[in-house]
Amino acid sequence: MDGQISPRSQHILKVLIESYIRDGQPVGSKQLAGGSGLDLSSSTVRNVLADLEARGLVRAPHTSAGRVPTSRGYRVFVDSLLTVQPVTSDNVRQIAQRLAPGASLKQIAATVSSALSGLTSMAGLVMVPGGMPQRLRHIEFLSLSGNQVLVILVINDREVQNLIIETPRRYSEAELTQAANYLNQQFAGQTLSGVRSRLLHELRQAREQMDSLMQSAITMAERVFEPDEVIDKARDCVIAGQTNLMGFDELSDVARLRGLFEAFHQKREVLSLLDRAAYDGQGVRIFIGEESGHDLFSDCSLVTSTYQVDGEVLGLVGIIGPTRMAYDQVIPIVDVTARLVSAALNPADQPL
């Protein structure tokens, strides 16, 4: 969190966000002055709001003098100001009772996604592996005519996939060999979803520090590992309660809903986002608004947590809803659900 934000500003930001999450209405200085619990005048609160707006933490809608949080404001709130509420024993029992002993992972995924949707009135999802994880063993590039390159991928031990990609310029055979050597060094042995996650998250952010060879290799790899190109049978996701999102005003635009439902149907963008969450490691991960990297989800937040089998992360459970969600309730529900799924898949584990 920005160390220059005073405790008073933090408190006002917290009160503003909690009010907006609760009521869905822009919050004005008079309301904050009266409801912040601090002995402040409206003019003092206006000055604080102006500073928060200058920092990109709140914004003023065109139709209102009040303020609403930005994605960055929500991030500060979630990381530094949030007071998480304990999950009720009734909610834990509701989920645990629906996890039938001996159920398959697909059955568990359907049950859990529906349970999460019901508990939160948002879209619940579970990411599951579709079979043996597909790992990249080797990659080669061969120059074709123009800017076309033939890509030869060896996946797992025997599967070979060939595809043709268009590159920004024509590469020499030496450049293609160097790029392939670099990618084999970086990615050999990783799952395709892991490769895709690194390209989306870690390496793309560090591109400015890369030399020309690395930049060229990553540019080609991004084209190779687009979800539509390489067939990755290693994961799928089960989504329930998508129509719940129609009940939120900020998501009710017909064009936006159509795009969201198409994304839920195709699953490519959802799986891409889940790949990033899984690559970040165990536990709870949260993407707020623009952090997703997908315009379709710019008004949404994704809260996920990993579940494990024999100590290895197998998949994710999560919630997709508006950025104006009750994070204090959603985060612990998602976390506890992931733990219950892990317990159901590991009979030796003790229930929560």
Protein backbone atom coordinates (compact mmCIF):
# COMPACT_ATOMS: atom_id res chain seq x y z
CA MET A 1 0.00 0.00 0.00
CA ASP A 2 1.17 3.56 -0.73
CA GLY A 3 2.99 4.69 2.41
CA GLN A 4 2.00 8.32 1.77
CA ILE A 5 -1.68 7.64 2.47
CA SER A 6 -2.44 8.83 5.99
CA PRO A 7 -4.37 6.69 8.48
CA ARG A 8 -7.26 9.17 8.17
CA SER A 9 -7.34 8.74 4.38
CA GLN A 10 -7.18 4.98 4.77
CA HIS A 11 -10.14 5.06 7.14
CA ILE A 12 -12.22 7.24 4.81
CA LEU A 13 -11.37 5.00 1.85
CA LYS A 14 -12.45 1.96 3.87
CA VAL A 15 -15.74 3.53 4.91
CA LEU A 16 -16.41 4.70 1.33
CA ILE A 17 -15.80 1.26 -0.17
CA GLU A 18 -17.84 -0.54 2.48
CA SER A 19 -20.72 1.88 1.86
CA TYR A 20 -20.51 1.46 -1.91
CA ILE A 21 -20.38 -2.34 -1.66
CA ARG A 22 -23.42 -2.28 0.63
CA ASP A 23 -25.60 0.26 -1.22
CA GLY A 24 -24.22 0.48 -4.76
CA GLN A 25 -24.49 4.28 -4.74
CA PRO A 26 -21.75 6.92 -5.08
CA VAL A 27 -20.67 8.17 -1.66
CA GLY A 28 -20.60 11.90 -0.94
CA SER A 29 -18.55 13.94 1.51
CA LYS A 30 -21.53 14.70 3.79
CA GLN A 31 -22.34 11.01 4.11
CA LEU A 32 -18.71 10.21 4.90
CA ALA A 33 -18.43 13.05 7.40
CA GLY A 34 -21.44 11.74 9.26
CA GLY A 35 -20.66 8.03 8.97
CA SER A 36 -16.90 7.80 9.24
CA GLY A 37 -16.80 7.89 13.02
CA LEU A 38 -14.28 10.71 12.83
CA ASP A 39 -14.91 14.30 13.90
CA LEU A 40 -14.42 15.78 10.42
CA SER A 41 -16.14 18.52 8.46
CA SER A 42 -17.49 17.95 4.96
CA SER A 43 -14.81 20.26 3.57
CA THR A 44 -12.05 18.20 5.20
CA VAL A 45 -13.56 15.01 3.77
CA ARG A 46 -13.75 16.65 0.32
CA ASN A 47 -10.03 17.40 0.52
CA VAL A 48 -9.30 13.78 1.44
CA LEU A 49 -11.48 12.54 -1.43
CA ALA A 50 -9.68 14.86 -3.85
CA ASP A 51 -6.37 13.35 -2.74
CA LEU A 52 -7.69 9.80 -3.06
CA GLU A 53 -8.98 10.63 -6.54
CA ALA A 54 -5.61 12.08 -7.53
CA ARG A 55 -4.03 8.80 -6.44
CA GLY A 56 -6.41 6.83 -8.65
CA LEU A 57 -8.19 5.12 -5.74
CA VAL A 58 -11.64 6.65 -6.26
CA ARG A 59 -13.41 8.40 -9.11
CA ALA A 60 -16.44 10.63 -9.57
CA PRO A 61 -19.13 9.31 -11.94
CA HIS A 62 -20.34 11.94 -14.40
CA THR A 63 -23.86 11.92 -12.99
CA SER A 64 -22.96 12.28 -9.32
CA ALA A 65 -20.95 14.44 -6.96
CA GLY A 66 -20.14 11.33 -4.91
CA ARG A 67 -17.22 8.96 -5.39
CA VAL A 68 -16.94 5.27 -6.21
CA PRO A 69 -13.88 2.99 -5.85
CA THR A 70 -11.58 2.20 -8.76
CA SER A 71 -9.95 -1.22 -9.27
CA ARG A 72 -6.84 0.21 -7.63
CA GLY A 73 -8.91 1.41 -4.68
CA TYR A 74 -10.43 -2.04 -4.26
CA ARG A 75 -6.92 -3.52 -4.39
CA VAL A 76 -5.74 -1.29 -1.52
CA PHE A 77 -8.91 -2.17 0.39
CA VAL A 78 -8.52 -5.93 -0.10
CA ASP A 79 -4.78 -5.99 0.61
CA SER A 80 -4.64 -3.62 3.59
CA LEU A 81 -8.01 -2.55 4.97
CA LEU A 82 -10.32 -5.56 4.74
CA THR A 83 -11.68 -7.29 7.84
CA VAL A 84 -12.55 -10.83 6.77
CA GLN A 85 -15.70 -12.33 8.27
CA PRO A 86 -15.62 -15.93 9.55
CA VAL A 87 -17.64 -18.45 7.57
CA THR A 88 -20.71 -19.61 9.44
CA SER A 89 -20.90 -23.24 10.49
CA ASP A 90 -24.16 -23.53 8.52
CA ASN A 91 -22.41 -22.54 5.30
CA VAL A 92 -19.57 -24.99 5.94
CA ARG A 93 -22.10 -27.72 6.64
CA GLN A 94 -24.06 -26.92 3.46
CA ILE A 95 -20.99 -27.42 1.32
CA ALA A 96 -19.58 -30.41 3.20
CA GLN A 97 -22.89 -32.31 3.09
CA ARG A 98 -23.02 -31.97 -0.69
CA LEU A 99 -19.57 -33.52 -1.16
CA ALA A 100 -20.63 -37.15 -1.42
CA PRO A 101 -17.97 -39.71 -0.44
CA GLY A 102 -16.48 -41.43 -3.48
CA ALA A 103 -17.80 -38.82 -5.93
CA SER A 104 -15.75 -38.20 -9.06
CA LEU A 105 -13.91 -34.92 -9.52
CA LYS A 106 -16.40 -33.90 -12.23
CA GLN A 107 -19.30 -34.55 -9.86
CA ILE A 108 -17.56 -32.60 -7.10
CA ALA A 109 -16.92 -29.72 -9.53
CA ALA A 110 -20.59 -29.53 -10.51
CA THR A 111 -21.69 -29.67 -6.86
CA VAL A 112 -19.19 -27.09 -5.62
CA SER A 113 -19.72 -24.57 -8.43
CA SER A 114 -23.46 -24.70 -7.77
CA ALA A 115 -22.95 -24.38 -4.00
CA LEU A 116 -20.66 -21.37 -4.39
CA SER A 117 -23.14 -19.72 -6.72
CA GLY A 118 -25.96 -20.29 -4.26
CA LEU A 119 -24.03 -18.98 -1.26
CA THR A 120 -22.80 -15.81 -2.98
CA SER A 121 -25.49 -15.09 -5.61
CA MET A 122 -22.69 -14.81 -8.18
CA ALA A 123 -21.09 -17.23 -10.66
CA GLY A 124 -19.32 -20.17 -9.04
CA LEU A 125 -16.60 -22.08 -10.84
CA VAL A 126 -14.26 -25.01 -10.39
CA MET A 127 -11.18 -25.63 -12.52
CA VAL A 128 -10.37 -29.31 -12.99
CA PRO A 129 -7.73 -31.26 -14.90
CA GLY A 130 -9.09 -33.00 -17.98
CA GLY A 131 -6.61 -35.88 -17.90
CA MET A 132 -2.86 -36.29 -17.83
CA PRO A 133 -1.25 -32.82 -17.72
CA GLN A 134 0.31 -31.97 -21.08
CA ARG A 135 3.95 -30.99 -20.68
CA LEU A 136 6.13 -29.39 -23.29
CA ARG A 137 9.11 -31.59 -24.08
CA HIS A 138 10.62 -29.83 -27.08
CA ILE A 139 9.93 -27.06 -29.59
CA GLU A 140 11.45 -26.39 -33.01
CA PHE A 141 10.94 -23.62 -35.59
CA LEU A 142 11.35 -24.01 -39.34
CA SER A 143 11.19 -21.05 -41.71
CA LEU A 144 8.56 -21.15 -44.47
CA SER A 145 7.74 -18.58 -47.15
CA GLY A 146 7.31 -14.94 -46.18
CA ASN A 147 6.83 -14.42 -42.46
CA GLN A 148 5.42 -17.87 -41.83
CA VAL A 149 7.08 -20.31 -39.44
CA LEU A 150 6.35 -23.99 -38.95
CA VAL A 151 6.28 -24.89 -35.27
CA ILE A 152 6.94 -28.48 -34.18
CA LEU A 153 5.91 -29.27 -30.60
CA VAL A 154 6.64 -32.49 -28.75
CA ILE A 155 4.20 -32.87 -25.86
CA ASN A 156 4.58 -35.44 -23.09
CA ASP A 157 6.57 -38.37 -24.45
CA ARG A 158 5.15 -38.98 -27.91
CA GLU A 159 2.48 -36.51 -29.02
CA VAL A 160 3.62 -34.18 -31.80
CA GLN A 161 1.67 -31.08 -32.84
CA ASN A 162 2.52 -28.99 -35.90
CA LEU A 163 1.17 -25.53 -36.57
CA ILE A 164 2.01 -22.53 -38.73
CA ILE A 165 2.28 -19.06 -37.23
CA GLU A 166 2.70 -15.58 -38.71
CA THR A 167 5.63 -13.60 -37.27
CA PRO A 168 6.13 -9.81 -37.28
CA ARG A 169 9.13 -10.18 -39.61
CA ARG A 170 11.09 -12.88 -41.38
CA TYR A 171 13.55 -14.70 -39.14
CA SER A 172 16.75 -16.43 -40.27
CA GLU A 173 17.32 -20.09 -39.55
CA ALA A 174 19.97 -19.11 -36.99
CA GLU A 175 17.53 -16.80 -35.18
CA LEU A 176 14.87 -19.52 -35.13
CA THR A 177 17.34 -22.04 -33.72
CA GLN A 178 18.43 -19.59 -31.02
CA ALA A 179 14.81 -18.79 -30.14
CA ALA A 180 13.93 -22.50 -29.91
CA ASN A 181 16.97 -23.18 -27.71
CA TYR A 182 15.94 -20.34 -25.39
CA LEU A 183 12.32 -21.55 -25.12
CA ASN A 184 13.39 -25.16 -24.54
CA GLN A 185 15.66 -23.97 -21.76
CA GLN A 186 12.91 -21.87 -20.18
CA PHE A 187 9.84 -24.07 -20.65
CA ALA A 188 10.78 -27.73 -21.24
CA GLY A 189 8.99 -29.93 -18.73
CA GLN A 190 6.33 -27.35 -17.85
CA THR A 191 2.62 -27.85 -18.46
CA LEU A 192 1.10 -25.98 -21.38
CA SER A 193 -1.08 -24.02 -18.96
CA GLY A 194 2.03 -23.13 -16.95
CA VAL A 195 3.81 -21.93 -20.09
CA ARG A 196 0.80 -19.82 -21.01
CA SER A 197 0.65 -18.35 -17.51
CA ARG A 198 4.31 -17.32 -17.53
CA LEU A 199 3.91 -15.69 -20.92
CA LEU A 200 0.85 -13.77 -19.73
CA HIS A 201 2.16 -12.76 -16.35
CA GLU A 202 5.84 -12.96 -15.52
CA LEU A 203 7.71 -12.67 -18.82
CA ARG A 204 5.46 -10.08 -20.43
CA GLN A 205 6.04 -7.72 -17.51
CA ALA A 206 9.82 -8.12 -17.81
CA ARG A 207 9.95 -7.63 -21.58
CA GLU A 208 11.64 -4.23 -21.38
CA GLN A 209 14.63 -5.82 -19.65
CA MET A 210 15.00 -8.58 -22.28
CA ASP A 211 17.57 -8.57 -25.07
CA SER A 212 16.46 -8.85 -28.71
CA LEU A 213 16.81 -12.65 -28.80
CA MET A 214 14.60 -13.13 -25.76
CA GLN A 215 12.03 -10.64 -27.06
CA SER A 216 11.83 -12.46 -30.39
CA ALA A 217 11.50 -15.83 -28.67
CA ILE A 218 8.72 -14.62 -26.39
CA THR A 219 6.89 -12.93 -29.29
CA MET A 220 6.82 -16.23 -31.19
CA ALA A 221 5.93 -18.21 -28.07
CA GLU A 222 2.92 -15.99 -27.44
CA ARG A 223 1.63 -16.86 -30.91
CA VAL A 224 2.33 -20.56 -30.44
CA PHE A 225 0.66 -20.91 -27.05
CA GLU A 226 -2.52 -18.95 -27.70
CA PRO A 227 -5.45 -21.07 -26.45
CA ASP A 228 -6.84 -21.47 -29.97
CA GLU A 229 -3.55 -22.79 -31.32
CA VAL A 230 -2.12 -25.50 -29.08
CA ILE A 231 -4.66 -28.11 -28.03
CA ASP A 232 -4.45 -28.29 -24.25
CA LYS A 233 -6.59 -31.08 -22.84
CA ALA A 234 -5.13 -30.67 -19.37
CA ARG A 235 -7.80 -28.50 -17.85
CA ASP A 236 -11.44 -27.51 -17.95
CA CYS A 237 -13.77 -25.52 -15.75
CA VAL A 238 -17.32 -26.00 -14.56
CA ILE A 239 -19.32 -22.78 -14.16
CA ALA A 240 -22.68 -22.35 -12.43
CA GLY A 241 -24.95 -19.38 -11.74
CA GLN A 242 -23.89 -17.14 -14.63
CA THR A 243 -27.38 -15.66 -14.82
CA ASN A 244 -26.91 -14.29 -11.27
CA LEU A 245 -24.72 -11.60 -12.80
CA MET A 246 -27.76 -10.14 -14.55
CA GLY A 247 -28.94 -8.91 -11.14
CA PHE A 248 -26.06 -6.44 -10.75
CA ASP A 249 -26.66 -3.02 -12.31
CA GLU A 250 -23.01 -2.53 -13.26
CA LEU A 251 -23.08 -5.74 -15.33
CA SER A 252 -26.60 -5.43 -16.74
CA ASP A 253 -25.67 -3.80 -20.07
CA VAL A 254 -26.92 -6.19 -22.76
CA ALA A 255 -23.75 -6.05 -24.84
CA ARG A 256 -21.56 -6.67 -21.78
CA LEU A 257 -23.72 -9.57 -20.61
CA ARG A 258 -23.64 -11.10 -24.08
CA GLY A 259 -19.84 -10.91 -24.06
CA LEU A 260 -19.60 -12.40 -20.58
CA PHE A 261 -21.93 -15.28 -21.37
CA GLU A 262 -20.03 -16.00 -24.58
CA ALA A 263 -16.79 -16.03 -22.57
CA PHE A 264 -18.34 -18.44 -20.06
CA HIS A 265 -19.46 -20.66 -22.94
CA GLN A 266 -16.15 -20.68 -24.79
CA LYS A 267 -14.13 -20.71 -21.53
CA ARG A 268 -10.91 -19.54 -23.20
CA GLU A 269 -10.64 -16.23 -21.33
CA VAL A 270 -11.81 -17.81 -18.09
CA LEU A 271 -9.24 -20.61 -18.33
CA SER A 272 -6.52 -18.11 -19.23
CA LEU A 273 -7.30 -16.17 -16.06
CA LEU A 274 -7.46 -19.34 -13.98
CA ASP A 275 -4.11 -20.41 -15.40
CA ARG A 276 -2.60 -17.21 -14.02
CA ALA A 277 -4.17 -17.77 -10.62
CA ALA A 278 -2.90 -21.36 -10.52
CA TYR A 279 0.60 -20.34 -11.58
CA ASP A 280 0.78 -17.77 -8.77
CA GLY A 281 0.83 -20.61 -6.24
CA GLN A 282 -1.26 -22.09 -3.48
CA GLY A 283 -4.02 -20.33 -1.57
CA VAL A 284 -6.35 -17.44 -2.32
CA ARG A 285 -5.77 -15.26 -5.39
CA ILE A 286 -7.85 -12.22 -6.39
CA PHE A 287 -8.05 -10.39 -9.72
CA ILE A 288 -9.91 -7.08 -9.58
CA GLY A 289 -11.22 -5.32 -12.70
CA GLU A 290 -8.48 -4.49 -15.18
CA GLU A 291 -6.03 -6.78 -13.37
CA SER A 292 -7.56 -9.69 -15.30
CA GLY A 293 -6.02 -8.44 -18.54
CA HIS A 294 -9.31 -9.08 -20.36
CA ASP A 295 -11.65 -6.21 -21.29
CA LEU A 296 -14.66 -8.48 -20.78
CA PHE A 297 -13.85 -8.74 -17.07
CA SER A 298 -12.97 -5.08 -16.49
CA ASP A 299 -16.03 -4.66 -14.22
CA CYS A 300 -15.63 -8.06 -12.56
CA SER A 301 -13.53 -9.60 -9.84
CA LEU A 302 -12.36 -13.20 -9.60
CA VAL A 303 -11.63 -14.79 -6.22
CA THR A 304 -10.00 -18.24 -6.32
CA SER A 305 -8.34 -20.73 -4.02
CA THR A 306 -6.47 -23.92 -4.86
CA TYR A 307 -7.34 -27.47 -3.86
CA GLN A 308 -4.82 -30.30 -3.58
CA VAL A 309 -4.42 -34.03 -3.87
CA ASP A 310 -1.46 -35.67 -2.12
CA GLY A 311 0.06 -32.24 -1.53
CA GLU A 312 -0.03 -31.21 -5.21
CA VAL A 313 -2.27 -28.45 -6.51
CA LEU A 314 -4.87 -30.05 -8.76
CA GLY A 315 -7.22 -27.17 -9.53
CA LEU A 316 -9.10 -24.11 -8.31
CA VAL A 317 -12.47 -23.13 -6.94
CA GLY A 318 -13.69 -19.58 -7.29
CA ILE A 319 -16.28 -16.87 -7.72
CA ILE A 320 -16.74 -14.37 -10.54
CA GLY A 321 -18.84 -11.33 -9.71
CA PRO A 322 -18.86 -7.55 -9.91
CA THR A 323 -15.94 -5.60 -8.47
CA ARG A 324 -18.56 -4.36 -5.96
CA MET A 325 -18.67 -7.69 -4.15
CA ALA A 326 -18.57 -8.38 -0.41
CA TYR A 327 -14.94 -9.46 -0.33
CA ASP A 328 -15.04 -9.95 3.44
CA GLN A 329 -17.58 -12.75 2.93
CA VAL A 330 -16.60 -14.13 -0.49
CA ILE A 331 -12.89 -14.66 0.27
CA PRO A 332 -13.39 -16.93 3.31
CA ILE A 333 -16.20 -18.87 1.59
CA VAL A 334 -13.93 -19.61 -1.39
CA ASP A 335 -11.01 -20.51 0.87
CA VAL A 336 -13.02 -22.87 3.07
CA THR A 337 -14.63 -24.50 0.02
CA ALA A 338 -11.21 -25.23 -1.47
CA ARG A 339 -10.15 -26.83 1.82
CA LEU A 340 -13.31 -28.97 1.88
CA VAL A 341 -12.68 -30.12 -1.70
CA SER A 342 -9.10 -31.04 -0.76
CA ALA A 343 -10.41 -32.99 2.24
CA ALA A 344 -12.98 -34.82 0.07
CA LEU A 345 -10.29 -35.83 -2.41
CA ASN A 346 -7.86 -36.91 0.31
CA PRO A 347 -9.68 -39.43 2.52
CA ALA A 348 -6.89 -39.43 5.10
CA ASP A 349 -7.43 -35.71 5.76
CA GLN A 350 -9.55 -34.66 8.69
CA PRO A 351 -12.69 -32.63 7.86
CA LEU A 352 -12.81 -28.95 8.82
